[in-house]
Amino acid sequence: MERLIGKTPTPEEWQQLHRELSIDASGSANYVVLIISACLIAIFWMISK
């Protein structure tokens, strides 16, 4: 995940990240999805203020 920090990921990088999450579809992938969802909710909440 560190490689995505500080720059906008390309679609290829998103696809690779998605594949990595799909391969690791055990508990850790669910944990990552939970974190991403929480971040999106926080961003939308800040925008709506």
N, C-alpha and C. Protein backbone atom coordinates (compact mmCIF):
# COMPACT_ATOMS: atom_id res chain seq x y z
N MET A 1 0.82 -1.20 0.00
CA MET A 1 0.00 0.00 0.00
C MET A 1 0.86 1.26 0.00
N GLU A 2 2.09 1.16 0.51
CA GLU A 2 2.93 2.36 0.62
C GLU A 2 3.19 2.98 -0.74
N ARG A 3 3.22 2.16 -1.79
CA ARG A 3 3.57 2.69 -3.11
C ARG A 3 2.49 3.61 -3.65
N LEU A 4 1.28 3.58 -3.08
CA LEU A 4 0.20 4.43 -3.58
C LEU A 4 0.20 5.80 -2.92
N ILE A 5 0.97 5.94 -1.84
CA ILE A 5 0.94 7.19 -1.09
C ILE A 5 1.75 8.25 -1.83
N GLY A 6 1.20 9.46 -1.92
CA GLY A 6 1.94 10.58 -2.48
C GLY A 6 1.76 10.77 -3.97
N LYS A 7 1.00 9.90 -4.64
CA LYS A 7 0.73 10.10 -6.06
C LYS A 7 -0.60 9.46 -6.40
N THR A 8 -1.17 9.90 -7.50
CA THR A 8 -2.44 9.34 -7.94
C THR A 8 -2.16 8.02 -8.65
N PRO A 9 -2.76 6.93 -8.19
CA PRO A 9 -2.51 5.65 -8.84
C PRO A 9 -3.11 5.60 -10.24
N THR A 10 -2.43 4.92 -11.13
CA THR A 10 -2.96 4.72 -12.47
C THR A 10 -3.99 3.60 -12.43
N PRO A 11 -4.84 3.50 -13.46
CA PRO A 11 -5.80 2.40 -13.49
C PRO A 11 -5.14 1.03 -13.38
N GLU A 12 -3.95 0.89 -13.98
CA GLU A 12 -3.24 -0.38 -13.89
C GLU A 12 -2.88 -0.70 -12.44
N GLU A 13 -2.45 0.33 -11.71
CA GLU A 13 -2.10 0.11 -10.31
C GLU A 13 -3.34 -0.25 -9.49
N TRP A 14 -4.47 0.40 -9.79
CA TRP A 14 -5.72 0.05 -9.10
C TRP A 14 -6.09 -1.39 -9.39
N GLN A 15 -5.95 -1.82 -10.66
CA GLN A 15 -6.29 -3.19 -11.02
C GLN A 15 -5.38 -4.18 -10.31
N GLN A 16 -4.07 -3.85 -10.23
CA GLN A 16 -3.14 -4.73 -9.54
C GLN A 16 -3.49 -4.81 -8.06
N LEU A 17 -3.80 -3.66 -7.46
CA LEU A 17 -4.17 -3.64 -6.05
C LEU A 17 -5.44 -4.46 -5.83
N HIS A 18 -6.40 -4.33 -6.74
CA HIS A 18 -7.66 -5.07 -6.62
C HIS A 18 -7.40 -6.57 -6.74
N ARG A 19 -6.50 -6.96 -7.65
CA ARG A 19 -6.16 -8.38 -7.78
C ARG A 19 -5.50 -8.88 -6.50
N GLU A 20 -4.60 -8.08 -5.93
CA GLU A 20 -3.93 -8.49 -4.70
C GLU A 20 -4.95 -8.68 -3.58
N LEU A 21 -5.93 -7.78 -3.50
CA LEU A 21 -6.96 -7.90 -2.48
C LEU A 21 -7.84 -9.11 -2.74
N SER A 22 -8.12 -9.40 -4.02
CA SER A 22 -8.96 -10.54 -4.35
C SER A 22 -8.25 -11.84 -4.02
N ILE A 23 -6.93 -11.90 -4.29
CA ILE A 23 -6.16 -13.09 -3.96
C ILE A 23 -6.14 -13.28 -2.45
N ASP A 24 -5.99 -12.17 -1.73
CA ASP A 24 -5.92 -12.23 -0.27
C ASP A 24 -7.32 -11.99 0.31
N ALA A 25 -8.30 -12.74 -0.22
CA ALA A 25 -9.70 -12.46 0.11
C ALA A 25 -10.12 -13.06 1.44
N SER A 26 -9.18 -13.31 2.32
CA SER A 26 -9.51 -13.82 3.65
C SER A 26 -9.96 -12.67 4.54
N GLY A 27 -9.58 -12.69 5.81
CA GLY A 27 -10.01 -11.64 6.74
C GLY A 27 -9.36 -10.31 6.46
N SER A 28 -8.12 -10.32 5.99
CA SER A 28 -7.39 -9.06 5.83
C SER A 28 -8.00 -8.20 4.72
N ALA A 29 -8.50 -8.82 3.66
CA ALA A 29 -9.13 -8.05 2.59
C ALA A 29 -10.39 -7.37 3.10
N ASN A 30 -11.16 -8.09 3.92
CA ASN A 30 -12.36 -7.49 4.51
C ASN A 30 -11.96 -6.31 5.38
N TYR A 31 -10.84 -6.44 6.07
CA TYR A 31 -10.35 -5.36 6.94
C TYR A 31 -9.97 -4.14 6.11
N VAL A 32 -9.32 -4.37 4.97
CA VAL A 32 -8.94 -3.26 4.08
C VAL A 32 -10.19 -2.58 3.53
N VAL A 33 -11.17 -3.36 3.11
CA VAL A 33 -12.42 -2.78 2.60
C VAL A 33 -13.08 -1.93 3.67
N LEU A 34 -13.05 -2.40 4.91
CA LEU A 34 -13.64 -1.64 6.02
C LEU A 34 -12.93 -0.31 6.19
N ILE A 35 -11.59 -0.32 6.12
CA ILE A 35 -10.82 0.92 6.27
C ILE A 35 -11.14 1.88 5.13
N ILE A 36 -11.16 1.37 3.89
CA ILE A 36 -11.44 2.23 2.74
C ILE A 36 -12.84 2.82 2.85
N SER A 37 -13.81 2.01 3.26
CA SER A 37 -15.17 2.51 3.42
C SER A 37 -15.23 3.61 4.46
N ALA A 38 -14.52 3.42 5.58
CA ALA A 38 -14.51 4.44 6.63
C ALA A 38 -13.88 5.73 6.12
N CYS A 39 -12.82 5.62 5.33
CA CYS A 39 -12.18 6.82 4.77
C CYS A 39 -13.13 7.54 3.82
N LEU A 40 -13.82 6.81 2.97
CA LEU A 40 -14.75 7.44 2.03
C LEU A 40 -15.88 8.13 2.77
N ILE A 41 -16.41 7.47 3.80
CA ILE A 41 -17.48 8.08 4.60
C ILE A 41 -16.98 9.37 5.24
N ALA A 42 -15.77 9.34 5.79
CA ALA A 42 -15.22 10.54 6.43
C ALA A 42 -15.03 11.66 5.41
N ILE A 43 -14.55 11.33 4.20
CA ILE A 43 -14.35 12.35 3.16
C ILE A 43 -15.68 12.97 2.76
N PHE A 44 -16.68 12.12 2.50
CA PHE A 44 -17.98 12.66 2.11
C PHE A 44 -18.60 13.49 3.23
N TRP A 45 -18.38 13.09 4.47
CA TRP A 45 -18.91 13.83 5.61
C TRP A 45 -18.26 15.21 5.70
N MET A 46 -16.95 15.26 5.46
CA MET A 46 -16.26 16.56 5.50
C MET A 46 -16.71 17.45 4.34
N ILE A 47 -16.92 16.86 3.16
CA ILE A 47 -17.36 17.64 2.00
C ILE A 47 -18.74 18.23 2.27
N SER A 48 -19.60 17.46 2.90
CA SER A 48 -20.99 17.91 3.09
C SER A 48 -21.11 18.98 4.17
N LYS A 49 -20.07 19.19 4.95
CA LYS A 49 -20.14 20.20 6.03
C LYS A 49 -20.08 21.60 5.45
